[in-house]
Amino acid sequence: MQTTETVEVVTGENPVGSVIWLHGLGADGHDFEPVVPELRLPADLSLRFVFPHAPVQPVTVNGGMAMRSWYDILSFDAEGRADRTGVLKSSAVLEELIALEIERGIPANKIVIAGFSQGGAVAVHTALQTQQKLAGLMALSTYMPLPDDAESALGRNDLPIFMAHGSFDPVLRMDWGRASADRLIELGYTVDWHEYPMAHAVCPQEIADISRWLSEIYAPEL
């Protein structure tokens, strides 16, 4: 039974695919809702966008203030940036959302998992560990949260991956994202990497590139 609240946007009748998109720290499922019309996807491509809300919980680096968060952040260094227990718990939530889309009639190979920042970290981890044969992974301004787990990756390495990062991101350094992309390449994945002159955000060119990538993923449905 689904317990995670979500926001949904459907671009047409009888969607042929689903994009499950996780927001960043302190945001909610509405954060990327306005991006859907900005993607300007082909009129004959009907997709369901699912934007889940992270739970409200204390975040250590923010003085223990409670906010929507996929996992706790103990510090801003590599060792403390991701709470393992929290990452695994949120990854299980994402797996549940994938299962729900399958129950709703969307096969796994038509499901893209996506995320920004914290949400992207959960998406990256889940893509490596899931037994589902997904359509793709979209990881925005993010990184691999549990790199040691990559050695036991279950995901297939022909999974299409789109990764993007701002070149002057002050929140999550681009070299963290680039190092994660390089690690994925070492594991045999092909990564479509993009850099943009921006901070911890998204920009018009990135949205255009995401639109192109999604259109390519779902091209057989057009």
Protein backbone atom coordinates (compact mmCIF):
# COMPACT_ATOMS: atom_id res chain seq x y z
CA MET A 1 0.00 0.00 0.00
CA GLN A 2 1.32 3.44 -0.95
CA THR A 3 1.91 5.70 2.04
CA THR A 4 4.00 8.40 0.33
CA GLU A 5 2.05 11.46 -0.78
CA THR A 6 2.70 12.51 -4.36
CA VAL A 7 1.88 15.21 -6.89
CA GLU A 8 1.03 13.94 -10.37
CA VAL A 9 1.01 15.57 -13.78
CA VAL A 10 -0.15 13.62 -16.84
CA THR A 11 0.66 15.08 -20.24
CA GLY A 12 -2.10 13.19 -22.11
CA GLU A 13 -4.53 10.32 -22.03
CA ASN A 14 -3.33 6.74 -21.51
CA PRO A 15 0.30 7.47 -20.52
CA VAL A 16 2.88 5.15 -22.06
CA GLY A 17 5.54 5.85 -19.46
CA SER A 18 6.18 7.33 -16.02
CA VAL A 19 8.84 9.65 -14.66
CA ILE A 20 9.23 9.47 -10.86
CA TRP A 21 11.06 12.67 -9.89
CA LEU A 22 12.39 13.31 -6.35
CA HIS A 23 12.90 16.86 -5.07
CA GLY A 24 15.82 18.27 -3.10
CA LEU A 25 16.29 19.10 0.57
CA GLY A 26 13.65 21.40 2.04
CA ALA A 27 11.47 21.41 -1.07
CA ASP A 28 8.43 19.23 -1.79
CA GLY A 29 6.73 17.41 -4.62
CA HIS A 30 5.48 20.65 -6.14
CA ASP A 31 9.03 21.89 -6.75
CA PHE A 32 9.46 20.49 -10.25
CA GLU A 33 5.77 20.40 -11.18
CA PRO A 34 6.10 23.65 -13.24
CA VAL A 35 8.94 22.12 -15.27
CA VAL A 36 6.64 19.65 -17.03
CA PRO A 37 5.06 22.15 -19.47
CA GLU A 38 8.48 23.80 -19.93
CA LEU A 39 9.81 20.51 -21.31
CA ARG A 40 7.61 20.96 -24.37
CA LEU A 41 7.55 17.23 -25.01
CA PRO A 42 6.04 15.96 -28.27
CA ALA A 43 2.27 16.40 -28.26
CA ASP A 44 1.74 12.71 -28.98
CA LEU A 45 3.94 11.55 -26.08
CA SER A 46 1.78 10.96 -23.01
CA LEU A 47 3.72 10.56 -19.77
CA ARG A 48 2.80 10.47 -16.09
CA PHE A 49 5.11 12.56 -13.89
CA VAL A 50 5.08 11.50 -10.25
CA PHE A 51 6.58 13.93 -7.73
CA PRO A 52 6.67 12.42 -4.20
CA HIS A 53 6.96 14.44 -0.99
CA ALA A 54 9.90 13.52 1.25
CA PRO A 55 9.06 13.02 4.94
CA VAL A 56 9.56 15.86 7.41
CA GLN A 57 12.49 15.04 9.70
CA PRO A 58 15.37 16.78 11.54
CA VAL A 59 18.47 17.62 9.48
CA THR A 60 21.69 17.80 11.48
CA VAL A 61 23.54 20.38 9.36
CA ASN A 62 20.56 22.72 9.64
CA GLY A 63 20.72 22.75 13.42
CA GLY A 64 18.32 19.85 13.74
CA MET A 65 15.51 21.82 12.11
CA ALA A 66 12.78 19.57 10.76
CA MET A 67 12.13 19.85 7.03
CA ARG A 68 11.34 17.64 4.09
CA SER A 69 14.39 15.48 3.63
CA TRP A 70 15.13 12.11 2.02
CA TYR A 71 17.90 11.45 4.58
CA ASP A 72 19.88 13.22 7.27
CA ILE A 73 23.03 15.18 6.44
CA LEU A 74 25.53 14.99 9.29
CA SER A 75 28.20 17.24 7.73
CA PHE A 76 29.20 18.77 4.42
CA ASP A 77 32.17 16.49 3.85
CA ALA A 78 32.19 13.22 1.91
CA GLU A 79 31.82 11.10 5.02
CA GLY A 80 28.83 12.86 6.54
CA ARG A 81 26.89 14.11 3.55
CA ALA A 82 24.61 11.06 3.37
CA ASP A 83 23.04 9.10 6.23
CA ARG A 84 23.12 5.47 5.10
CA THR A 85 20.01 4.40 7.00
CA GLY A 86 18.05 7.29 5.54
CA VAL A 87 19.25 6.66 2.00
CA LEU A 88 18.23 3.00 2.19
CA LYS A 89 14.84 3.89 3.65
CA SER A 90 14.12 6.43 0.92
CA SER A 91 15.38 4.04 -1.74
CA ALA A 92 12.80 1.54 -0.48
CA VAL A 93 10.13 4.24 -0.85
CA LEU A 94 11.23 4.82 -4.44
CA GLU A 95 11.05 1.07 -5.10
CA GLU A 96 7.47 1.13 -3.79
CA LEU A 97 6.61 3.96 -6.18
CA ILE A 98 8.13 2.01 -9.07
CA ALA A 99 6.05 -1.02 -8.09
CA LEU A 100 2.92 1.12 -7.97
CA GLU A 101 3.51 2.39 -11.51
CA ILE A 102 3.92 -1.21 -12.67
CA GLU A 103 0.61 -2.07 -10.98
CA ARG A 104 -0.96 0.85 -12.83
CA GLY A 105 0.06 -0.67 -16.14
CA ILE A 106 3.41 0.98 -16.88
CA PRO A 107 6.11 -1.65 -17.43
CA ALA A 108 9.45 -1.14 -15.68
CA ASN A 109 11.22 -0.49 -18.98
CA LYS A 110 9.00 2.56 -19.46
CA ILE A 111 9.77 4.07 -16.05
CA VAL A 112 12.43 6.75 -15.60
CA ILE A 113 13.59 7.60 -12.08
CA ALA A 114 14.88 11.11 -11.56
CA GLY A 115 15.94 13.45 -8.82
CA PHE A 116 17.57 16.72 -7.92
CA SER A 117 20.28 17.01 -5.24
CA GLN A 118 19.19 14.77 -2.31
CA GLY A 119 16.45 13.26 -4.43
CA GLY A 120 18.96 12.58 -7.17
CA ALA A 121 21.23 10.77 -4.74
CA VAL A 122 18.38 8.44 -3.80
CA ALA A 123 17.60 7.90 -7.49
CA VAL A 124 21.24 7.06 -8.27
CA HIS A 125 21.45 4.54 -5.44
CA THR A 126 18.14 2.95 -6.40
CA ALA A 127 19.09 2.69 -10.07
CA LEU A 128 22.22 0.73 -9.10
CA GLN A 129 20.46 -1.61 -6.69
CA THR A 130 17.02 -2.25 -8.15
CA GLN A 131 16.22 -5.51 -9.88
CA GLN A 132 13.81 -3.70 -12.19
CA LYS A 133 14.88 -3.05 -15.79
CA LEU A 134 14.20 0.67 -15.88
CA ALA A 135 13.97 3.02 -18.86
CA GLY A 136 16.51 5.49 -17.52
CA LEU A 137 18.05 7.51 -14.69
CA MET A 138 18.07 11.30 -14.56
CA ALA A 139 20.44 12.66 -11.88
CA LEU A 140 20.52 16.45 -11.49
CA SER A 141 23.07 18.35 -9.36
CA THR A 142 23.72 15.23 -7.33
CA TYR A 143 26.15 12.43 -6.54
CA MET A 144 26.45 8.74 -5.62
CA PRO A 145 25.57 8.70 -1.89
CA LEU A 146 26.86 5.24 -0.96
CA PRO A 147 29.80 4.57 -3.31
CA ASP A 148 30.88 1.42 -1.49
CA ASP A 149 27.55 -0.18 -2.42
CA ALA A 150 28.32 0.29 -6.10
CA GLU A 151 30.44 -2.87 -6.02
CA SER A 152 27.26 -4.89 -5.48
CA ALA A 153 25.24 -3.04 -8.09
CA LEU A 154 22.37 -5.11 -9.45
CA GLY A 155 21.22 -2.69 -12.13
CA ARG A 156 22.08 -3.39 -15.76
CA ASN A 157 24.87 -1.24 -17.15
CA ASP A 158 23.01 -0.48 -20.39
CA LEU A 159 20.70 1.80 -18.38
CA PRO A 160 20.55 5.24 -20.05
CA ILE A 161 21.85 7.87 -17.60
CA PHE A 162 21.52 11.65 -17.86
CA MET A 163 23.62 13.61 -15.34
CA ALA A 164 23.83 17.40 -15.10
CA HIS A 165 25.49 19.85 -12.74
CA GLY A 166 26.11 23.57 -12.30
CA SER A 167 29.74 24.59 -12.75
CA PHE A 168 29.62 26.97 -9.76
CA ASP A 169 27.30 25.03 -7.47
CA PRO A 170 28.06 26.25 -3.90
CA VAL A 171 25.85 23.64 -2.22
CA LEU A 172 27.00 20.42 -3.84
CA ARG A 173 30.30 20.81 -5.64
CA MET A 174 30.39 19.80 -9.26
CA ASP A 175 33.46 17.64 -8.71
CA TRP A 176 31.31 15.38 -6.50
CA GLY A 177 28.91 14.92 -9.38
CA ARG A 178 31.68 14.45 -11.90
CA ALA A 179 33.43 11.89 -9.68
CA SER A 180 30.16 9.96 -9.39
CA ALA A 181 29.71 10.02 -13.17
CA ASP A 182 33.28 8.74 -13.60
CA ARG A 183 32.57 5.94 -11.12
CA LEU A 184 29.47 4.93 -13.06
CA ILE A 185 31.53 4.87 -16.24
CA GLU A 186 34.09 2.64 -14.50
CA LEU A 187 31.21 0.27 -13.66
CA GLY A 188 30.37 0.03 -17.35
CA TYR A 189 27.54 2.55 -17.60
CA THR A 190 27.30 5.16 -20.34
CA VAL A 191 26.66 8.59 -18.84
CA ASP A 192 25.28 11.54 -20.80
CA TRP A 193 27.07 14.26 -18.74
CA HIS A 194 26.20 17.97 -18.93
CA GLU A 195 27.70 21.05 -17.25
CA TYR A 196 25.94 24.42 -17.10
CA PRO A 197 27.12 27.85 -15.90
CA MET A 198 24.74 27.92 -12.93
CA ALA A 199 24.58 27.38 -9.18
CA HIS A 200 22.47 24.72 -7.37
CA ALA A 201 19.52 25.00 -9.72
CA VAL A 202 18.18 24.14 -13.14
CA CYS A 203 18.44 26.35 -16.22
CA PRO A 204 16.61 26.65 -19.57
CA GLN A 205 19.32 24.84 -21.52
CA GLU A 206 19.21 21.96 -19.02
CA ILE A 207 15.43 21.71 -19.38
CA ALA A 208 15.84 21.60 -23.16
CA ASP A 209 18.45 18.84 -22.85
CA ILE A 210 16.20 16.85 -20.49
CA SER A 211 13.37 17.16 -23.01
CA ARG A 212 15.60 15.84 -25.78
CA TRP A 213 16.79 12.95 -23.62
CA LEU A 214 13.28 11.95 -22.52
CA SER A 215 12.07 12.13 -26.12
CA GLU A 216 14.87 9.76 -27.12
CA ILE A 217 14.04 7.38 -24.24
CA TYR A 218 10.40 7.18 -25.30
CA ALA A 219 11.00 7.45 -29.07
CA PRO A 220 9.59 3.94 -29.78
CA GLU A 221 6.26 5.11 -28.34
CA LEU A 222 5.94 8.01 -30.83
